[in-house]
Amino acid sequence: MIGETYILENFERALENGHIKAYFQPMLRSFTGEVCCVETLARWEDPINGVLSPAEFIGTLEKHRLIYTHDLAMLESVCRHYAGTVSAGKLPVPYSVNLSRLDFDEPDIFERITGILGKYDVPASAVHLEVTESVLLDHAEGFRKTFDRFHNAGFRIWMDDFGSGFASLNVLKDYDFDLIKIDMMFLSSMNERARTIISSVVSMAKSLGIHTLAEGVETAEQVDFLRGIGCELLQGYFYAKPMSTGELEQYLNAEDVKAEKETDRAYLNNIGLLNVLSGDPIGDYSRNRNKAVGSQPASRKSQYPLALLEFCEGRFTFVYANDDYIAEIKQLGFYDLSDAEKQINDSSKPFYSGTIKQMNDSIKLECAVKKDYVIGDIYYSLTIMFIASTDEKTMLALNIRVFCSDGIEDRFEEINRYSRALFYNFDLVNILDPDRDRSRQIYSNLPFDTVYGFIPLRAGIKEFAANEIHIYDRDRYLAFMNFDTLDQRIDKDECSFVQQPFRVRIPDDKYVWKLIRITRIPTSELSCYMFSMQRMTPADIRLVSEQLP
């Protein structure tokens, strides 16, 4: 261990000669695996004693009130590196810098820090300030003003070593930290109790609108667990050790390393606040967005089917789905998540346009949009919540519930019973299957001579037009029944159906106005539609008669 006297006698000379250097340890976003920030750490490369770790000299610098000079020197190194990266035509990632509790004894701390950033033309958003709870304990009265000044100037303030002190929770009550850093080392093992503690901390932070980072990550098991509970940022030897400026540049230029785009940062930060552990993740996110902060109780297994679906360049991609969501989609007939993704992206199927419409409705209404669907004899509800977007992509949160799988079988039976009763509102109901060129009659209350629901679909359309549709309406009817343009017309109207009135023959060769509707039915395989014919009120008939010949 290096002696205190040696440190005091050589500190200023080491700074002047560049022996005390900034090292950097990358932080990766668990959601994407991209480098989103680097922490600045000091290393003293002493020509006599070799490389000294912070543990060997920081305590002495604090004891003798030299830490302020050291911390400002590290900040200047960061700004110099930032400026060099920009001048080289590269996009720098943000940096975090550690401030000692003693730095806040200095009355000019705000001016000194902002002055250094101004000298190198570094925006405040590029530098995150890490402080420990001891800062607040030692400077309870004055820290609030300084905290607010930095926040108002655009800095993000992180709470370091969350949970290592006795006042961490009390600090969160009084200060709006942007992120808390959870030191994995204070939990000696990843047993069930440790997992429960970390899960609770992450869930609590998200309910307060605070981002989370786990440092000291060393194993693949820890990475999988932290990703699963929604911890946003990960840092540790599993990814990279602290490295010099040159080593950092080599690291970022490696083929298997990708730095986060600045344009994606706000997008990913918004996604990160979705609490996957909550009993109601979508509801909580919606309330937090509207500043009504609160959370449904979280548990290690929330039993809330949740997925994240990204829409980019006309294609949907699942980027997250919990086990409960996968279990639900399997009940709909999908083999796995990739099978569901394939079906959603088939623009000829109703899943695609239906998902787009729900997405657009959620964006427009700024809330979650829920709709009920049916595939075959399975009923389910789908809730979509808009989370975030850039110019290129949009992120959605999805919740799916299959009615017969969530303990409400009675509702399933009611839907079956009352949906059959709904047929009495119609004169005719057929299921149309254009891909197989066939139709199937479900219900009829009209005495047609031909049962059109049991002959080839396209031939039946022509025969129905010739025999049952008034001559003045036949061309319009055939255009209405054109399957080559049907999906386009449905999508244009942003509905799941199209409809028009037509004069239909009844006994004694009389014609009466009927409203004919074609409804697109969600299905996991082929295009499927419901053809329905409904009576019209006298008022509607008068209105149509005035408008059509």
Protein backbone atom coordinates (compact mmCIF):
# COMPACT_ATOMS: atom_id res chain seq x y z
CA MET A 1 0.00 0.00 0.00
CA ILE A 2 1.42 3.39 -1.01
CA GLY A 3 2.07 5.76 1.85
CA GLU A 4 0.07 8.91 2.57
CA THR A 5 3.16 11.10 2.51
CA TYR A 6 4.10 9.90 -0.98
CA ILE A 7 0.61 10.71 -2.27
CA LEU A 8 0.62 14.23 -0.81
CA GLU A 9 4.11 15.01 -2.08
CA ASN A 10 3.46 13.76 -5.62
CA PHE A 11 -0.23 14.50 -6.25
CA GLU A 12 0.10 17.92 -7.93
CA ARG A 13 3.09 16.78 -9.99
CA ALA A 14 1.16 13.68 -11.09
CA LEU A 15 -1.71 15.85 -12.29
CA GLU A 16 0.58 18.23 -14.16
CA ASN A 17 2.46 15.37 -15.85
CA GLY A 18 -0.69 13.49 -16.77
CA HIS A 19 0.03 10.50 -14.53
CA ILE A 20 -3.45 10.64 -13.00
CA LYS A 21 -5.67 9.68 -15.88
CA ALA A 22 -9.33 9.11 -16.60
CA TYR A 23 -10.23 5.51 -17.26
CA PHE A 24 -13.62 4.52 -18.60
CA GLN A 25 -15.92 1.58 -17.98
CA PRO A 26 -18.78 1.11 -20.46
CA MET A 27 -22.42 0.75 -19.45
CA LEU A 28 -24.71 -1.23 -21.73
CA ARG A 29 -28.43 -0.97 -22.16
CA SER A 30 -29.89 -4.36 -21.28
CA PHE A 31 -32.69 -3.93 -23.80
CA THR A 32 -30.42 -3.51 -26.85
CA GLY A 33 -26.94 -4.57 -25.74
CA GLU A 34 -25.60 -1.21 -26.97
CA VAL A 35 -23.12 1.01 -25.11
CA CYS A 36 -25.13 3.95 -23.81
CA CYS A 37 -22.72 5.61 -21.36
CA VAL A 38 -19.26 5.26 -19.80
CA GLU A 39 -18.30 5.86 -16.19
CA THR A 40 -15.18 7.93 -15.55
CA LEU A 41 -12.78 6.32 -13.07
CA ALA A 42 -9.35 7.59 -11.98
CA ARG A 43 -6.10 5.66 -12.29
CA TRP A 44 -2.71 6.94 -11.09
CA GLU A 45 0.00 5.58 -13.39
CA ASP A 46 2.94 6.26 -11.11
CA PRO A 47 6.39 5.89 -12.74
CA ILE A 48 7.82 4.34 -9.57
CA ASN A 49 4.97 2.31 -8.01
CA GLY A 50 3.01 1.39 -11.11
CA VAL A 51 -0.74 1.78 -11.50
CA LEU A 52 -2.55 2.87 -8.32
CA SER A 53 -6.24 2.16 -7.91
CA PRO A 54 -8.59 4.82 -6.48
CA ALA A 55 -8.76 2.90 -3.20
CA GLU A 56 -5.07 3.69 -2.67
CA PHE A 57 -5.25 7.48 -3.00
CA ILE A 58 -8.84 8.84 -2.98
CA GLY A 59 -9.18 8.54 0.81
CA THR A 60 -5.98 10.55 1.34
CA LEU A 61 -7.13 13.23 -1.12
CA GLU A 62 -10.43 13.55 0.73
CA LYS A 63 -8.72 13.68 4.12
CA HIS A 64 -6.52 16.59 3.01
CA ARG A 65 -9.19 18.43 1.01
CA LEU A 66 -7.52 17.77 -2.36
CA ILE A 67 -10.36 15.75 -3.84
CA TYR A 68 -12.02 18.82 -5.41
CA THR A 69 -8.94 19.46 -7.53
CA HIS A 70 -8.84 15.79 -8.51
CA ASP A 71 -12.54 15.60 -9.47
CA LEU A 72 -12.35 18.76 -11.59
CA ALA A 73 -9.27 17.35 -13.34
CA MET A 74 -11.23 14.17 -14.17
CA LEU A 75 -14.10 16.26 -15.50
CA GLU A 76 -11.69 18.22 -17.69
CA SER A 77 -10.28 14.94 -19.05
CA VAL A 78 -13.81 13.86 -19.93
CA CYS A 79 -14.56 17.13 -21.71
CA ARG A 80 -11.26 17.03 -23.57
CA HIS A 81 -12.03 13.49 -24.73
CA TYR A 82 -15.54 14.54 -25.77
CA ALA A 83 -14.22 17.45 -27.81
CA GLY A 84 -11.62 15.23 -29.47
CA THR A 85 -14.27 12.67 -30.41
CA VAL A 86 -16.47 15.37 -31.94
CA SER A 87 -13.58 16.93 -33.88
CA ALA A 88 -12.77 13.49 -35.30
CA GLY A 89 -16.28 13.34 -36.74
CA LYS A 90 -17.52 10.67 -34.34
CA LEU A 91 -20.52 10.69 -32.06
CA PRO A 92 -19.53 10.45 -28.38
CA VAL A 93 -21.55 8.57 -25.79
CA PRO A 94 -22.44 10.34 -22.51
CA TYR A 95 -20.08 10.15 -19.54
CA SER A 96 -20.76 9.85 -15.84
CA VAL A 97 -18.39 11.48 -13.36
CA ASN A 98 -18.19 10.93 -9.62
CA LEU A 99 -18.37 13.86 -7.23
CA SER A 100 -17.12 13.54 -3.67
CA ARG A 101 -19.27 14.68 -0.78
CA LEU A 102 -16.51 17.20 -0.01
CA ASP A 103 -16.90 18.84 -3.42
CA PHE A 104 -20.15 20.31 -2.18
CA ASP A 105 -18.29 22.28 0.49
CA GLU A 106 -16.99 24.46 -2.34
CA PRO A 107 -19.26 27.44 -2.97
CA ASP A 108 -18.32 27.66 -6.65
CA ILE A 109 -18.92 24.02 -7.59
CA PHE A 110 -21.68 24.81 -10.07
CA GLU A 111 -19.70 27.60 -11.77
CA ARG A 112 -16.51 25.52 -11.94
CA ILE A 113 -18.24 22.52 -13.51
CA THR A 114 -20.30 24.49 -16.01
CA GLY A 115 -17.21 26.56 -16.84
CA ILE A 116 -15.22 23.45 -17.78
CA LEU A 117 -18.04 22.19 -19.99
CA GLY A 118 -18.29 25.61 -21.65
CA LYS A 119 -14.53 25.67 -22.31
CA TYR A 120 -14.81 22.51 -24.43
CA ASP A 121 -18.31 23.16 -25.78
CA VAL A 122 -19.74 20.08 -24.07
CA PRO A 123 -23.54 20.01 -23.49
CA ALA A 124 -24.77 19.30 -19.97
CA SER A 125 -26.74 16.33 -21.32
CA ALA A 126 -23.43 14.61 -22.12
CA VAL A 127 -22.25 14.54 -18.49
CA HIS A 128 -24.09 12.73 -15.70
CA LEU A 129 -23.16 13.53 -12.11
CA GLU A 130 -22.87 10.62 -9.66
CA VAL A 131 -23.29 11.39 -5.97
CA THR A 132 -23.71 9.18 -2.91
CA GLU A 133 -26.28 9.56 -0.16
CA SER A 134 -23.51 10.82 2.16
CA VAL A 135 -23.55 14.08 0.19
CA LEU A 136 -27.09 14.70 1.38
CA LEU A 137 -26.36 13.67 4.93
CA ASP A 138 -23.42 16.07 5.18
CA HIS A 139 -25.05 18.92 3.23
CA ALA A 140 -28.75 18.53 3.93
CA GLU A 141 -29.49 22.27 3.92
CA GLY A 142 -27.36 23.41 0.99
CA PHE A 143 -27.58 20.46 -1.33
CA ARG A 144 -31.15 21.13 -2.46
CA LYS A 145 -30.19 24.43 -4.07
CA THR A 146 -27.14 22.95 -5.78
CA PHE A 147 -29.11 19.87 -6.86
CA ASP A 148 -31.78 22.04 -8.49
CA ARG A 149 -29.21 24.27 -10.20
CA PHE A 150 -27.56 21.30 -11.87
CA HIS A 151 -30.91 19.78 -12.83
CA ASN A 152 -32.19 23.03 -14.28
CA ALA A 153 -28.99 23.39 -16.30
CA GLY A 154 -29.67 20.05 -18.03
CA PHE A 155 -27.47 17.68 -16.02
CA ARG A 156 -28.72 14.24 -15.03
CA ILE A 157 -27.99 13.35 -11.42
CA TRP A 158 -27.43 9.75 -10.44
CA MET A 159 -27.47 8.26 -6.96
CA ASP A 160 -24.44 5.97 -6.61
CA ASP A 161 -24.27 2.87 -4.39
CA PHE A 162 -28.01 2.77 -3.73
CA GLY A 163 -28.78 0.52 -0.76
CA SER A 164 -25.31 0.61 0.74
CA GLY A 165 -26.30 3.26 3.29
CA PHE A 166 -29.12 3.52 5.78
CA ALA A 167 -30.80 6.63 4.31
CA SER A 168 -31.24 5.62 0.65
CA LEU A 169 -35.03 5.36 0.78
CA ASN A 170 -35.37 8.62 2.64
CA VAL A 171 -33.20 10.34 0.03
CA LEU A 172 -35.46 9.13 -2.80
CA LYS A 173 -38.40 10.64 -0.97
CA ASP A 174 -36.91 14.12 -1.07
CA TYR A 175 -34.89 14.26 -4.33
CA ASP A 176 -35.74 13.59 -7.97
CA PHE A 177 -32.77 11.51 -8.99
CA ASP A 178 -32.71 10.51 -12.64
CA LEU A 179 -31.13 7.11 -11.97
CA ILE A 180 -30.07 4.90 -9.11
CA LYS A 181 -27.05 2.61 -9.30
CA ILE A 182 -27.48 -0.72 -7.57
CA ASP A 183 -24.18 -2.27 -6.53
CA MET A 184 -24.47 -6.02 -7.05
CA MET A 185 -21.55 -6.51 -4.68
CA PHE A 186 -23.55 -5.52 -1.60
CA LEU A 187 -25.61 -8.63 -2.21
CA SER A 188 -23.09 -11.40 -1.57
CA SER A 189 -24.93 -14.02 -3.63
CA MET A 190 -27.72 -14.26 -6.17
CA ASN A 191 -29.98 -16.36 -3.99
CA GLU A 192 -33.74 -16.03 -3.89
CA ARG A 193 -33.70 -13.34 -1.22
CA ALA A 194 -31.19 -11.27 -3.19
CA ARG A 195 -33.30 -11.57 -6.33
CA THR A 196 -36.38 -10.45 -4.41
CA ILE A 197 -34.57 -7.40 -3.01
CA ILE A 198 -33.22 -6.31 -6.40
CA SER A 199 -36.58 -6.89 -8.09
CA SER A 200 -38.29 -4.75 -5.46
CA VAL A 201 -35.76 -1.94 -5.87
CA VAL A 202 -36.18 -1.90 -9.67
CA SER A 203 -39.97 -1.98 -9.42
CA MET A 204 -40.00 0.82 -6.83
CA ALA A 205 -37.68 2.99 -8.94
CA LYS A 206 -39.84 2.61 -12.05
CA SER A 207 -42.97 3.53 -10.11
CA LEU A 208 -41.17 6.76 -9.16
CA GLY A 209 -40.06 7.42 -12.73
CA ILE A 210 -36.39 6.72 -11.89
CA HIS A 211 -34.08 4.74 -14.19
CA THR A 212 -31.98 1.84 -12.88
CA LEU A 213 -28.43 0.61 -13.39
CA ALA A 214 -26.76 -2.46 -11.90
CA GLU A 215 -23.00 -2.26 -11.49
CA GLY A 216 -20.65 -5.07 -10.61
CA VAL A 217 -22.32 -7.44 -13.08
CA GLU A 218 -20.05 -10.43 -13.54
CA THR A 219 -22.03 -13.46 -14.75
CA ALA A 220 -24.42 -14.41 -17.54
CA GLU A 221 -26.89 -15.53 -14.87
CA GLN A 222 -26.95 -12.01 -13.42
CA VAL A 223 -27.41 -10.50 -16.89
CA ASP A 224 -30.38 -12.74 -17.70
CA PHE A 225 -32.01 -12.01 -14.36
CA LEU A 226 -31.53 -8.24 -14.62
CA ARG A 227 -32.88 -8.15 -18.16
CA GLY A 228 -35.87 -10.17 -17.06
CA ILE A 229 -36.86 -7.74 -14.31
CA GLY A 230 -36.36 -4.70 -16.56
CA CYS A 231 -33.16 -3.22 -15.07
CA GLU A 232 -32.18 -0.82 -17.84
CA LEU A 233 -28.41 -0.38 -17.69
CA LEU A 234 -25.71 -2.94 -16.86
CA GLN A 235 -22.07 -2.36 -15.95
CA GLY A 236 -19.35 -4.71 -14.86
CA TYR A 237 -16.51 -7.05 -15.77
CA PHE A 238 -18.92 -9.34 -17.64
CA TYR A 239 -18.90 -6.69 -20.37
CA ALA A 240 -15.69 -4.71 -19.94
CA LYS A 241 -13.14 -3.63 -17.36
CA PRO A 242 -12.15 0.04 -16.85
CA MET A 243 -9.96 1.06 -19.76
CA SER A 244 -7.74 3.89 -20.95
CA THR A 245 -8.77 6.39 -23.60
CA GLY A 246 -7.05 4.42 -26.33
CA GLU A 247 -8.51 1.13 -25.16
CA LEU A 248 -11.99 2.68 -25.06
CA GLU A 249 -11.67 3.82 -28.67
CA GLN A 250 -10.57 0.36 -29.73
CA TYR A 251 -13.44 -1.17 -27.79
CA LEU A 252 -16.04 1.09 -29.40
CA ASN A 253 -14.61 0.39 -32.86
CA ALA A 254 -14.85 -3.38 -32.46
CA GLU A 255 -17.25 -5.13 -34.83
CA ASP A 256 -19.26 -6.76 -32.05
CA VAL A 257 -19.72 -3.51 -30.10
CA LYS A 258 -22.36 -0.96 -31.00
CA ALA A 259 -22.80 2.48 -29.47
CA GLU A 260 -26.27 3.83 -28.87
CA LYS A 261 -27.46 6.57 -31.22
CA GLU A 262 -28.21 9.90 -29.59
CA THR A 263 -31.51 10.03 -31.49
CA ASP A 264 -32.55 6.74 -29.83
CA ARG A 265 -31.67 7.76 -26.28
CA ALA A 266 -34.93 9.44 -25.27
CA TYR A 267 -36.85 6.66 -27.03
CA LEU A 268 -35.08 3.94 -25.07
CA ASN A 269 -35.31 5.88 -21.79
CA ASN A 270 -39.09 6.04 -22.18
CA ILE A 271 -39.25 2.31 -22.83
CA GLY A 272 -37.09 1.65 -19.80
CA LEU A 273 -39.67 3.13 -17.43
CA LEU A 274 -42.16 0.40 -18.27
CA ASN A 275 -42.33 -1.74 -15.13
CA VAL A 276 -42.46 -5.35 -16.32
CA LEU A 277 -42.81 -6.54 -12.70
CA SER A 278 -45.98 -4.59 -12.01
CA GLY A 279 -49.37 -6.19 -11.65
CA ASP A 280 -50.56 -3.74 -14.33
CA PRO A 281 -47.54 -2.52 -16.39
CA ILE A 282 -49.55 -0.74 -19.08
CA GLY A 283 -51.87 0.95 -16.57
CA ASP A 284 -48.94 2.08 -14.43
CA TYR A 285 -47.10 3.49 -17.44
CA SER A 286 -50.17 5.40 -18.53
CA ARG A 287 -50.67 6.87 -15.04
CA ASN A 288 -47.00 7.81 -14.69
CA ARG A 289 -47.05 9.48 -18.10
CA ASN A 290 -49.93 11.61 -16.87
CA LYS A 291 -48.03 12.38 -13.62
CA ALA A 292 -50.41 10.37 -11.46
CA VAL A 293 -47.59 8.28 -10.06
CA GLY A 294 -48.65 4.99 -8.56
CA SER A 295 -48.19 1.30 -9.02
CA GLN A 296 -50.12 -1.89 -8.78
CA PRO A 297 -48.45 -4.39 -6.45
CA ALA A 298 -45.51 -6.15 -8.05
CA SER A 299 -44.48 -9.73 -7.52
CA ARG A 300 -41.67 -11.90 -8.76
CA LYS A 301 -44.12 -13.43 -11.23
CA SER A 302 -46.76 -10.87 -12.10
CA GLN A 303 -48.95 -13.19 -14.23
CA TYR A 304 -49.57 -10.29 -16.59
CA PRO A 305 -49.08 -11.31 -20.25
CA LEU A 306 -46.81 -8.55 -21.54
CA ALA A 307 -44.85 -8.00 -24.74
CA LEU A 308 -43.00 -5.13 -26.39
CA LEU A 309 -43.53 -4.79 -30.14
CA GLU A 310 -41.46 -2.42 -32.27
CA PHE A 311 -42.75 -1.05 -35.58
CA CYS A 312 -40.01 0.02 -38.02
CA GLU A 313 -40.08 0.42 -41.80
CA GLY A 314 -43.48 -1.20 -42.06
CA ARG A 315 -42.55 -4.28 -40.03
CA PHE A 316 -43.39 -5.41 -36.49
CA THR A 317 -40.73 -7.07 -34.33
CA PHE A 318 -41.16 -8.55 -30.86
CA VAL A 319 -38.32 -7.32 -28.66
CA TYR A 320 -39.63 -8.68 -25.37
CA ALA A 321 -42.29 -11.10 -24.20
CA ASN A 322 -42.73 -12.72 -20.80
CA ASP A 323 -43.71 -16.34 -20.28
CA ASP A 324 -47.34 -15.45 -19.62
CA TYR A 325 -47.66 -13.67 -22.98
CA ILE A 326 -46.16 -16.62 -24.84
CA ALA A 327 -48.55 -18.98 -23.06
CA GLU A 328 -51.52 -16.86 -24.19
CA ILE A 329 -50.53 -16.70 -27.88
CA LYS A 330 -50.03 -20.47 -27.94
CA GLN A 331 -53.71 -20.80 -27.05
CA LEU A 332 -54.47 -18.80 -30.20
CA GLY A 333 -52.69 -21.40 -32.31
CA PHE A 334 -49.26 -19.81 -32.65
CA TYR A 335 -46.29 -22.12 -32.15
CA ASP A 336 -44.07 -19.47 -30.59
CA LEU A 337 -43.24 -15.77 -30.68
CA SER A 338 -41.58 -15.94 -34.10
CA ASP A 339 -44.70 -17.58 -35.55
CA ALA A 340 -46.87 -14.79 -34.12
CA GLU A 341 -44.47 -12.20 -35.51
CA LYS A 342 -44.66 -13.81 -38.96
CA GLN A 343 -48.46 -13.71 -38.93
CA ILE A 344 -48.63 -10.10 -37.74
CA ASN A 345 -46.34 -9.02 -40.57
CA ASP A 346 -48.43 -10.66 -43.30
CA SER A 347 -50.13 -7.57 -44.73
CA SER A 348 -52.75 -9.75 -46.42
CA LYS A 349 -54.02 -10.87 -43.01
CA PRO A 350 -56.18 -8.80 -40.64
CA PHE A 351 -53.58 -8.96 -37.85
CA TYR A 352 -51.38 -6.46 -39.66
CA SER A 353 -53.94 -3.75 -40.36
CA GLY A 354 -55.68 -4.34 -37.04
CA THR A 355 -52.46 -3.87 -35.09
CA ILE A 356 -51.61 -0.72 -37.05
CA LYS A 357 -55.04 0.73 -36.37
CA GLN A 358 -54.80 0.04 -32.63
CA MET A 359 -51.29 1.52 -32.61
CA ASN A 360 -52.47 4.71 -34.35
CA ASP A 361 -55.48 4.97 -32.05
CA SER A 362 -53.22 4.71 -28.98
CA ILE A 363 -50.91 7.41 -30.35
CA LYS A 364 -53.84 9.69 -31.18
CA LEU A 365 -55.74 9.15 -27.92
CA GLU A 366 -52.58 9.04 -25.74
CA CYS A 367 -53.89 6.04 -23.83
CA ALA A 368 -54.15 2.26 -24.00
CA VAL A 369 -56.59 0.90 -26.59
CA LYS A 370 -58.33 -2.44 -25.95
CA LYS A 371 -60.23 -4.48 -28.51
CA ASP A 372 -61.83 -7.92 -28.50
CA TYR A 373 -61.23 -10.39 -31.32
CA VAL A 374 -62.19 -13.91 -32.31
CA ILE A 375 -60.15 -16.59 -34.07
CA GLY A 376 -62.29 -19.58 -34.87
CA ASP A 377 -64.05 -20.35 -31.59
CA ILE A 378 -61.46 -18.58 -29.41
CA TYR A 379 -62.19 -15.13 -28.05
CA TYR A 380 -59.44 -12.83 -26.83
CA SER A 381 -58.76 -9.21 -25.99
CA LEU A 382 -55.69 -7.25 -27.06
CA THR A 383 -54.57 -4.06 -25.34
CA ILE A 384 -51.99 -1.86 -27.08
CA MET A 385 -50.24 1.09 -25.44
CA PHE A 386 -47.98 3.50 -27.32
CA ILE A 387 -44.72 3.85 -25.39
CA ALA A 388 -42.29 5.90 -27.47
CA SER A 389 -41.22 6.76 -31.01
CA THR A 390 -38.50 8.29 -33.15
CA ASP A 391 -38.67 9.35 -36.79
CA GLU A 392 -37.91 5.75 -37.72
CA LYS A 393 -39.63 3.47 -35.21
CA THR A 394 -42.40 3.11 -32.65
CA MET A 395 -42.52 0.97 -29.52
CA LEU A 396 -45.76 -0.56 -28.25
CA ALA A 397 -46.63 -2.49 -25.10
CA LEU A 398 -49.08 -5.35 -25.60
CA ASN A 399 -51.29 -7.26 -23.19
CA ILE A 400 -53.29 -10.22 -24.42
CA ARG A 401 -55.99 -12.21 -22.62
CA VAL A 402 -57.64 -15.34 -24.00
CA PHE A 403 -61.07 -15.37 -22.39
CA CYS A 404 -61.23 -19.07 -21.64
CA SER A 405 -57.75 -19.09 -20.09
CA ASP A 406 -57.93 -16.50 -17.36
CA GLY A 407 -60.59 -17.85 -15.06
CA ILE A 408 -63.61 -16.29 -16.75
CA GLU A 409 -65.06 -19.25 -18.64
CA ASP A 410 -68.52 -17.88 -17.92
CA ARG A 411 -67.80 -14.93 -20.18
CA PHE A 412 -66.76 -17.31 -22.94
CA GLU A 413 -70.12 -19.09 -22.68
CA GLU A 414 -72.01 -15.81 -22.61
CA ILE A 415 -70.28 -14.59 -25.74
CA ASN A 416 -71.21 -17.81 -27.53
CA ARG A 417 -74.83 -17.66 -26.37
CA TYR A 418 -75.49 -14.00 -27.09
CA SER A 419 -73.51 -13.83 -30.33
CA ARG A 420 -75.88 -16.46 -31.71
CA ALA A 421 -78.79 -14.24 -30.70
CA LEU A 422 -77.24 -11.38 -32.65
CA PHE A 423 -77.92 -13.23 -35.89
CA TYR A 424 -81.59 -12.36 -35.51
CA ASN A 425 -80.65 -8.79 -36.41
CA PHE A 426 -79.60 -10.00 -39.85
CA ASP A 427 -81.37 -11.50 -42.85
CA LEU A 428 -78.28 -13.34 -44.03
CA VAL A 429 -74.83 -14.19 -42.64
CA ASN A 430 -72.15 -15.97 -44.68
CA ILE A 431 -68.46 -16.60 -44.02
CA LEU A 432 -66.34 -15.81 -47.10
CA ASP A 433 -62.99 -17.50 -47.76
CA PRO A 434 -61.47 -15.90 -50.91
CA ASP A 435 -58.23 -17.89 -50.73
CA ARG A 436 -60.15 -21.17 -51.07
CA ASP A 437 -62.86 -19.58 -53.27
CA ARG A 438 -65.67 -20.74 -51.07
CA SER A 439 -68.31 -19.44 -48.71
CA ARG A 440 -70.29 -20.99 -45.89
CA GLN A 441 -73.79 -19.96 -44.91
CA ILE A 442 -74.19 -19.38 -41.18
CA TYR A 443 -77.70 -18.00 -41.01
CA SER A 444 -80.43 -17.04 -43.49
CA ASN A 445 -83.92 -15.60 -43.13
CA LEU A 446 -84.44 -15.01 -46.85
CA PRO A 447 -86.21 -17.44 -49.23
CA PHE A 448 -83.68 -17.35 -52.07
CA ASP A 449 -84.12 -20.11 -54.64
CA THR A 450 -80.38 -20.77 -54.53
CA VAL A 451 -78.37 -21.37 -51.36
CA TYR A 452 -75.44 -19.14 -52.28
CA GLY A 453 -73.41 -20.09 -49.24
CA PHE A 454 -72.73 -23.57 -50.61
CA ILE A 455 -71.33 -22.88 -54.10
CA PRO A 456 -67.89 -21.53 -55.20
CA LEU A 457 -67.50 -18.01 -53.85
CA ARG A 458 -66.74 -16.00 -57.00
CA ALA A 459 -69.29 -17.82 -59.10
CA GLY A 460 -71.83 -17.32 -56.34
CA ILE A 461 -71.15 -13.56 -56.27
CA LYS A 462 -71.89 -13.26 -60.00
CA GLU A 463 -74.98 -15.44 -59.75
CA PHE A 464 -76.26 -13.52 -56.72
CA ALA A 465 -75.76 -10.22 -58.54
CA ALA A 466 -77.61 -11.46 -61.62
CA ASN A 467 -80.51 -13.05 -59.74
CA GLU A 468 -80.99 -11.04 -56.56
CA ILE A 469 -79.57 -7.51 -57.01
CA HIS A 470 -81.51 -4.77 -58.82
CA ILE A 471 -80.14 -4.09 -62.28
CA TYR A 472 -79.29 -0.49 -61.36
CA ASP A 473 -77.12 -1.71 -58.46
CA ARG A 474 -75.36 -4.71 -60.07
CA ASP A 475 -72.17 -3.02 -61.26
CA ARG A 476 -71.77 -1.27 -57.92
CA TYR A 477 -72.36 -4.58 -56.11
CA LEU A 478 -69.72 -6.43 -58.16
CA ALA A 479 -67.22 -3.65 -57.45
CA PHE A 480 -68.15 -3.82 -53.77
CA MET A 481 -67.46 -7.58 -53.75
CA ASN A 482 -64.07 -7.27 -55.51
CA PHE A 483 -61.60 -9.08 -53.24
CA ASP A 484 -58.59 -7.63 -55.06
CA THR A 485 -59.38 -4.22 -53.56
CA LEU A 486 -61.28 -5.22 -50.42
CA ASP A 487 -58.45 -4.98 -47.85
CA GLN A 488 -57.32 -1.67 -49.31
CA ARG A 489 -60.82 -0.24 -48.96
CA ILE A 490 -61.14 -1.54 -45.40
CA ASP A 491 -57.77 -0.05 -44.42
CA LYS A 492 -58.61 3.27 -46.09
CA ASP A 493 -61.71 3.69 -43.93
CA GLU A 494 -59.74 2.65 -40.80
CA CYS A 495 -62.50 0.19 -39.92
CA SER A 496 -62.71 -3.57 -39.88
CA PHE A 497 -65.50 -3.51 -42.46
CA VAL A 498 -67.02 -1.84 -45.53
CA GLN A 499 -70.74 -1.50 -46.19
CA GLN A 500 -73.15 -0.17 -48.78
CA PRO A 501 -76.94 -0.26 -49.36
CA PHE A 502 -78.30 -2.35 -52.26
CA ARG A 503 -81.78 -3.23 -53.54
CA VAL A 504 -82.31 -6.95 -53.03
CA ARG A 505 -85.09 -9.09 -54.54
CA ILE A 506 -87.74 -10.53 -52.23
CA PRO A 507 -90.73 -12.76 -53.11
CA ASP A 508 -93.08 -11.53 -55.85
CA ASP A 509 -90.03 -9.99 -57.60
CA LYS A 510 -90.08 -6.93 -55.42
CA TYR A 511 -86.85 -5.15 -54.38
CA VAL A 512 -86.17 -3.64 -50.99
CA TRP A 513 -83.14 -1.79 -49.67
CA LYS A 514 -80.73 -3.87 -47.58
CA LEU A 515 -77.49 -2.85 -45.90
CA ILE A 516 -74.72 -5.25 -46.88
CA ARG A 517 -71.53 -5.32 -44.83
CA ILE A 518 -68.27 -7.23 -45.30
CA THR A 519 -66.33 -7.55 -42.03
CA ARG A 520 -62.73 -8.71 -41.88
CA ILE A 521 -62.30 -11.50 -39.33
CA PRO A 522 -58.92 -12.01 -37.58
CA THR A 523 -57.47 -15.43 -38.35
CA SER A 524 -54.03 -16.92 -37.98
CA GLU A 525 -54.03 -18.48 -41.44
CA LEU A 526 -56.13 -17.30 -44.40
CA SER A 527 -58.09 -14.16 -45.21
CA CYS A 528 -61.61 -14.52 -43.88
CA TYR A 529 -64.64 -12.21 -43.97
CA MET A 530 -68.22 -12.16 -42.73
CA PHE A 531 -70.88 -11.17 -45.25
CA SER A 532 -74.03 -9.86 -43.57
CA MET A 533 -77.27 -8.44 -44.87
CA GLN A 534 -79.42 -6.29 -42.57
CA ARG A 535 -82.78 -4.59 -42.78
CA MET A 536 -82.88 -0.80 -42.98
CA THR A 537 -85.16 1.65 -41.19
CA PRO A 538 -87.71 3.65 -43.23
CA ALA A 539 -85.76 6.84 -42.49
CA ASP A 540 -82.54 5.32 -43.83
CA ILE A 541 -84.37 4.03 -46.91
CA ARG A 542 -85.75 7.50 -47.68
CA LEU A 543 -82.28 9.00 -47.33
CA VAL A 544 -80.68 6.38 -49.62
CA SER A 545 -83.48 6.68 -52.21
CA GLU A 546 -82.82 10.40 -52.49
CA GLN A 547 -79.09 9.90 -53.05
CA LEU A 548 -79.02 6.85 -55.36
CA PRO A 549 -80.91 6.38 -58.66
